[in-house]
């Protein structure tokens, strides 16, 4: 499962994006997530960490 699908599984929705950049948000979560593919189209480690922090901080469930 790629990072965008995982993000959507936790209730985030795609807000907008230009080119390869994708911005996700969720009701009741003040932060937004901004993803850009890294090498070979894989998620960058800091982007995965940002998602995990928000899941833990807001006690989100998939």
C-alpha atoms as a PDB file:
ATOM      1  CA  UNK A   1       0.000   0.000   0.000  1.00  0.00           C
ATOM      2  CA  UNK A   2       1.477   3.357  -0.918  1.00  0.00           C
ATOM      3  CA  UNK A   3       1.547   6.362   1.401  1.00  0.00           C
ATOM      4  CA  UNK A   4      -1.345   8.167  -0.305  1.00  0.00           C
ATOM      5  CA  UNK A   5      -3.648   5.161   0.074  1.00  0.00           C
ATOM      6  CA  UNK A   6      -2.593   4.728   3.701  1.00  0.00           C
ATOM      7  CA  UNK A   7      -3.248   8.413   4.359  1.00  0.00           C
ATOM      8  CA  UNK A   8      -6.721   8.108   2.855  1.00  0.00           C
ATOM      9  CA  UNK A   9      -7.402   4.993   4.957  1.00  0.00           C
ATOM     10  CA  UNK A  10      -6.949   7.194   8.036  1.00  0.00           C
ATOM     11  CA  UNK A  11      -9.614   9.615   6.831  1.00  0.00           C
ATOM     12  CA  UNK A  12      -7.487  12.247   5.106  1.00  0.00           C
ATOM     13  CA  UNK A  13      -8.724  13.606   1.797  1.00  0.00           C
ATOM     14  CA  UNK A  14      -6.802  15.007  -1.136  1.00  0.00           C
ATOM     15  CA  UNK A  15      -7.177  18.794  -1.056  1.00  0.00           C
ATOM     16  CA  UNK A  16      -5.068  19.887  -4.003  1.00  0.00           C
ATOM     17  CA  UNK A  17      -1.698  19.541  -5.609  1.00  0.00           C
ATOM     18  CA  UNK A  18       0.404  20.665  -8.509  1.00  0.00           C
ATOM     19  CA  UNK A  19       2.599  18.338 -10.469  1.00  0.00           C
ATOM     20  CA  UNK A  20       3.688  15.470  -8.261  1.00  0.00           C
ATOM     21  CA  UNK A  21       2.891  17.315  -5.016  1.00  0.00           C
ATOM     22  CA  UNK A  22      -0.221  16.159  -3.114  1.00  0.00           C
ATOM     23  CA  UNK A  23      -1.769  17.935  -0.130  1.00  0.00           C
ATOM     24  CA  UNK A  24      -4.029  16.049   2.292  1.00  0.00           C
ATOM     25  CA  UNK A  25      -6.208  17.270   5.138  1.00  0.00           C
ATOM     26  CA  UNK A  26      -8.720  15.875   7.572  1.00  0.00           C
ATOM     27  CA  UNK A  27     -11.538  17.369   9.626  1.00  0.00           C
ATOM     28  CA  UNK A  28     -10.463  17.977  13.229  1.00  0.00           C
ATOM     29  CA  UNK A  29      -6.753  17.768  12.315  1.00  0.00           C
ATOM     30  CA  UNK A  30      -5.124  21.202  12.131  1.00  0.00           C
ATOM     31  CA  UNK A  31      -2.034  20.100  10.234  1.00  0.00           C
ATOM     32  CA  UNK A  32      -1.955  19.218   6.545  1.00  0.00           C
ATOM     33  CA  UNK A  33       0.266  16.610   4.941  1.00  0.00           C
ATOM     34  CA  UNK A  34       2.255  17.459   1.820  1.00  0.00           C
ATOM     35  CA  UNK A  35       3.687  14.536  -0.128  1.00  0.00           C
ATOM     36  CA  UNK A  36       6.140  14.529  -3.003  1.00  0.00           C
ATOM     37  CA  UNK A  37       7.622  11.326  -4.371  1.00  0.00           C
ATOM     38  CA  UNK A  38      11.246  10.683  -3.554  1.00  0.00           C
ATOM     39  CA  UNK A  39      13.685   8.484  -5.435  1.00  0.00           C
ATOM     40  CA  UNK A  40      12.054   5.724  -7.451  1.00  0.00           C
ATOM     41  CA  UNK A  41       8.623   7.145  -6.576  1.00  0.00           C
ATOM     42  CA  UNK A  42       8.900   6.057  -2.945  1.00  0.00           C
ATOM     43  CA  UNK A  43       7.754   8.148   0.006  1.00  0.00           C
ATOM     44  CA  UNK A  44      10.394  10.143   1.799  1.00  0.00           C
ATOM     45  CA  UNK A  45      11.068   8.908   5.351  1.00  0.00           C
ATOM     46  CA  UNK A  46      10.127  12.239   6.958  1.00  0.00           C
ATOM     47  CA  UNK A  47       6.719  12.135   5.236  1.00  0.00           C
ATOM     48  CA  UNK A  48       5.981   8.704   6.696  1.00  0.00           C
ATOM     49  CA  UNK A  49       7.038   9.991  10.110  1.00  0.00           C
ATOM     50  CA  UNK A  50       4.724  13.018   9.808  1.00  0.00           C
ATOM     51  CA  UNK A  51       1.766  10.743   9.106  1.00  0.00           C
ATOM     52  CA  UNK A  52       2.624   8.458  12.009  1.00  0.00           C
ATOM     53  CA  UNK A  53       2.908  11.422  14.368  1.00  0.00           C
ATOM     54  CA  UNK A  54      -0.553  12.668  13.376  1.00  0.00           C
ATOM     55  CA  UNK A  55      -2.060   9.187  13.748  1.00  0.00           C
ATOM     56  CA  UNK A  56      -0.662   8.977  17.257  1.00  0.00           C
ATOM     57  CA  UNK A  57      -1.382  12.604  18.274  1.00  0.00           C
ATOM     58  CA  UNK A  58      -5.032  12.489  17.195  1.00  0.00           C
ATOM     59  CA  UNK A  59      -5.527   8.777  17.975  1.00  0.00           C
ATOM     60  CA  UNK A  60      -6.754   8.111  14.464  1.00  0.00           C
ATOM     61  CA  UNK A  61      -8.027   4.723  13.364  1.00  0.00           C
ATOM     62  CA  UNK A  62      -8.098   3.281   9.879  1.00  0.00           C
END
